[in-house]
C-alpha atoms as a PDB file:
ATOM      1  CA  ASN A   1     137.816 188.111  41.689  1.00  0.00           C
ATOM      2  CA  LYS A   2     134.449 187.958  39.952  1.00  0.00           C
ATOM      3  CA  GLU A   3     133.131 191.201  38.483  1.00  0.00           C
ATOM      4  CA  LYS A   4     129.906 192.388  40.095  1.00  0.00           C
ATOM      5  CA  SER A   5     126.883 192.204  37.819  1.00  0.00           C
ATOM      6  CA  HIS A   6     126.046 195.905  38.115  1.00  0.00           C
ATOM      7  CA  ASP A   7     129.653 196.789  37.245  1.00  0.00           C
ATOM      8  CA  ALA A   8     129.360 194.783  34.006  1.00  0.00           C
ATOM      9  CA  THR A   9     126.154 196.705  33.269  1.00  0.00           C
ATOM     10  CA  TYR A  10     127.905 200.017  33.956  1.00  0.00           C
ATOM     11  CA  GLN A  11     130.719 199.094  31.565  1.00  0.00           C
ATOM     12  CA  LEU A  12     128.174 198.549  28.751  1.00  0.00           C
ATOM     13  CA  TYR A  13     126.330 201.751  29.723  1.00  0.00           C
ATOM     14  CA  SER A  14     129.668 203.606  29.558  1.00  0.00           C
ATOM     15  CA  GLU A  15     130.121 202.316  26.012  1.00  0.00           C
ATOM     16  CA  GLY A  16     126.885 204.097  25.052  1.00  0.00           C
ATOM     17  CA  LYS A  17     124.544 201.115  24.979  1.00  0.00           C
ATOM     18  CA  SER A  18     120.861 201.617  25.821  1.00  0.00           C
ATOM     19  CA  ILE A  19     119.033 199.876  28.650  1.00  0.00           C
ATOM     20  CA  SER A  20     117.287 197.553  26.178  1.00  0.00           C
ATOM     21  CA  GLU A  21     120.575 196.726  24.422  1.00  0.00           C
ATOM     22  CA  ILE A  22     122.285 195.954  27.733  1.00  0.00           C
ATOM     23  CA  ALA A  23     119.350 193.805  28.878  1.00  0.00           C
ATOM     24  CA  SER A  24     119.475 191.843  25.642  1.00  0.00           C
ATOM     25  CA  LEU A  25     123.255 191.368  25.772  1.00  0.00           C
ATOM     26  CA  ARG A  26     123.210 190.334  29.431  1.00  0.00           C
ATOM     27  CA  GLU A  27     120.021 188.243  29.060  1.00  0.00           C
ATOM     28  CA  VAL A  28     118.198 189.969  31.912  1.00  0.00           C
ATOM     29  CA  THR A  29     115.161 192.257  32.112  1.00  0.00           C
ATOM     30  CA  GLU A  30     115.288 196.000  31.542  1.00  0.00           C
ATOM     31  CA  ALA A  31     114.161 196.429  35.164  1.00  0.00           C
ATOM     32  CA  THR A  32     117.302 194.583  36.283  1.00  0.00           C
ATOM     33  CA  ILE A  33     119.460 196.952  34.238  1.00  0.00           C
ATOM     34  CA  GLU A  34     117.607 199.964  35.682  1.00  0.00           C
ATOM     35  CA  ASN A  35     118.270 198.634  39.195  1.00  0.00           C
ATOM     36  CA  HIS A  36     121.944 198.121  38.317  1.00  0.00           C
ATOM     37  CA  LEU A  37     122.213 201.748  37.186  1.00  0.00           C
ATOM     38  CA  LEU A  38     120.587 202.948  40.424  1.00  0.00           C
ATOM     39  CA  LYS A  39     123.060 200.829  42.410  1.00  0.00           C
ATOM     40  CA  CYS A  40     125.948 202.287  40.389  1.00  0.00           C
ATOM     41  CA  HIS A  41     124.668 205.787  41.158  1.00  0.00           C
ATOM     42  CA  ASN A  42     124.568 204.928  44.875  1.00  0.00           C
ATOM     43  CA  GLU A  43     128.228 203.893  44.574  1.00  0.00           C
ATOM     44  CA  GLY A  44     129.067 207.291  43.075  1.00  0.00           C
ATOM     45  CA  LYS A  45     129.386 206.299  39.418  1.00  0.00           C
ATOM     46  CA  ALA A  46     128.471 209.026  36.897  1.00  0.00           C
ATOM     47  CA  ILE A  47     125.197 208.558  35.016  1.00  0.00           C
ATOM     48  CA  ASP A  48     123.445 211.038  32.730  1.00  0.00           C
ATOM     49  CA  TRP A  49     119.924 210.652  34.083  1.00  0.00           C
ATOM     50  CA  LYS A  50     118.378 213.105  31.577  1.00  0.00           C
ATOM     51  CA  GLN A  51     118.696 210.538  28.791  1.00  0.00           C
ATOM     52  CA  PHE A  52     116.026 208.353  30.404  1.00  0.00           C
ATOM     53  CA  TYR A  53     113.110 210.769  29.947  1.00  0.00           C
ATOM     54  CA  THR A  54     112.012 213.322  27.378  1.00  0.00           C
ATOM     55  CA  LYS A  55     111.665 217.065  27.904  1.00  0.00           C
ATOM     56  CA  GLU A  56     107.879 216.618  27.789  1.00  0.00           C
ATOM     57  CA  GLN A  57     107.977 213.854  30.405  1.00  0.00           C
ATOM     58  CA  ALA A  58     110.194 216.048  32.604  1.00  0.00           C
ATOM     59  CA  GLU A  59     107.571 218.811  32.416  1.00  0.00           C
ATOM     60  CA  VAL A  60     104.812 216.366  33.437  1.00  0.00           C
ATOM     61  CA  ILE A  61     106.905 215.134  36.360  1.00  0.00           C
ATOM     62  CA  GLN A  62     107.786 218.689  37.438  1.00  0.00           C
ATOM     63  CA  THR A  63     104.110 219.676  37.375  1.00  0.00           C
ATOM     64  CA  ALA A  64     103.218 216.645  39.513  1.00  0.00           C
ATOM     65  CA  LEU A  65     105.968 217.538  41.990  1.00  0.00           C
ATOM     66  CA  GLU A  66     104.247 220.885  42.551  1.00  0.00           C
ATOM     67  CA  THR A  67     101.352 219.045  44.208  1.00  0.00           C
ATOM     68  CA  VAL A  68     102.998 215.870  45.576  1.00  0.00           C
ATOM     69  CA  ASN A  69     105.668 215.990  48.277  1.00  0.00           C
ATOM     70  CA  VAL A  70     107.688 212.865  47.459  1.00  0.00           C
ATOM     71  CA  LYS A  71     109.597 212.973  50.736  1.00  0.00           C
ATOM     72  CA  GLU A  72     106.315 212.786  52.672  1.00  0.00           C
ATOM     73  CA  SER A  73     104.057 210.844  50.319  1.00  0.00           C
ATOM     74  CA  GLY A  74     106.522 208.599  48.494  1.00  0.00           C
ATOM     75  CA  LEU A  75     107.192 207.652  44.904  1.00  0.00           C
ATOM     76  CA  LYS A  76     103.933 205.700  44.532  1.00  0.00           C
ATOM     77  CA  ALA A  77     101.875 208.818  45.286  1.00  0.00           C
ATOM     78  CA  LEU A  78     103.849 210.721  42.649  1.00  0.00           C
ATOM     79  CA  LYS A  79     103.361 207.944  40.071  1.00  0.00           C
ATOM     80  CA  GLU A  80      99.621 207.764  40.813  1.00  0.00           C
ATOM     81  CA  SER A  81      99.261 211.536  40.398  1.00  0.00           C
ATOM     82  CA  ILE A  82     100.612 211.312  36.823  1.00  0.00           C
ATOM     83  CA  ASP A  83      98.113 210.477  34.109  1.00  0.00           C
ATOM     84  CA  ASP A  84     100.808 209.505  31.602  1.00  0.00           C
ATOM     85  CA  GLU A  85     101.391 205.741  31.434  1.00  0.00           C
ATOM     86  CA  SER A  86     104.639 206.236  29.494  1.00  0.00           C
ATOM     87  CA  ILE A  87     106.311 207.581  32.651  1.00  0.00           C
ATOM     88  CA  SER A  88     107.821 204.704  34.622  1.00  0.00           C
ATOM     89  CA  TYR A  89     109.021 204.506  38.206  1.00  0.00           C
ATOM     90  CA  PHE A  90     112.567 204.433  36.815  1.00  0.00           C
ATOM     91  CA  MET A  91     111.956 207.708  34.952  1.00  0.00           C
ATOM     92  CA  LEU A  92     110.663 209.256  38.168  1.00  0.00           C
ATOM     93  CA  ARG A  93     113.764 208.096  40.061  1.00  0.00           C
ATOM     94  CA  ALA A  94     116.023 209.355  37.254  1.00  0.00           C
ATOM     95  CA  TYR A  95     114.293 212.753  37.296  1.00  0.00           C
ATOM     96  CA  LEU A  96     114.508 213.052  41.083  1.00  0.00           C
ATOM     97  CA  ILE A  97     118.209 212.126  41.075  1.00  0.00           C
ATOM     98  CA  GLN A  98     118.910 214.618  38.288  1.00  0.00           C
ATOM     99  CA  ASP A  99     116.921 217.244  40.164  1.00  0.00           C
ATOM    100  CA  GLY A 100     118.886 216.564  43.355  1.00  0.00           C
ATOM    101  CA  GLN A 101     115.898 215.294  45.310  1.00  0.00           C
ATOM    102  CA  ARG A 102     117.027 211.674  45.759  1.00  0.00           C
END
């Protein structure tokens, strides 16, 4: 019974490894690891989403959410409304999950 790839990622995440460390160890991209974590979340596994963005980034995202309705306009509209290139789609997803909106 072969272990699922995202489960192997979750095991490393559970050991306290960062996304970049896991990507390096597993020889995949960081985006792959991010997608694995999202899949794990969808399966009900516990993830501390707040670790993936700073307090300042959270404030920028929250401000953008005051003018963009993600449910109506989508994630792309939210991303485009943010002038901070350091905020990734993954950070937006993490924030929305943490905030209970996803």
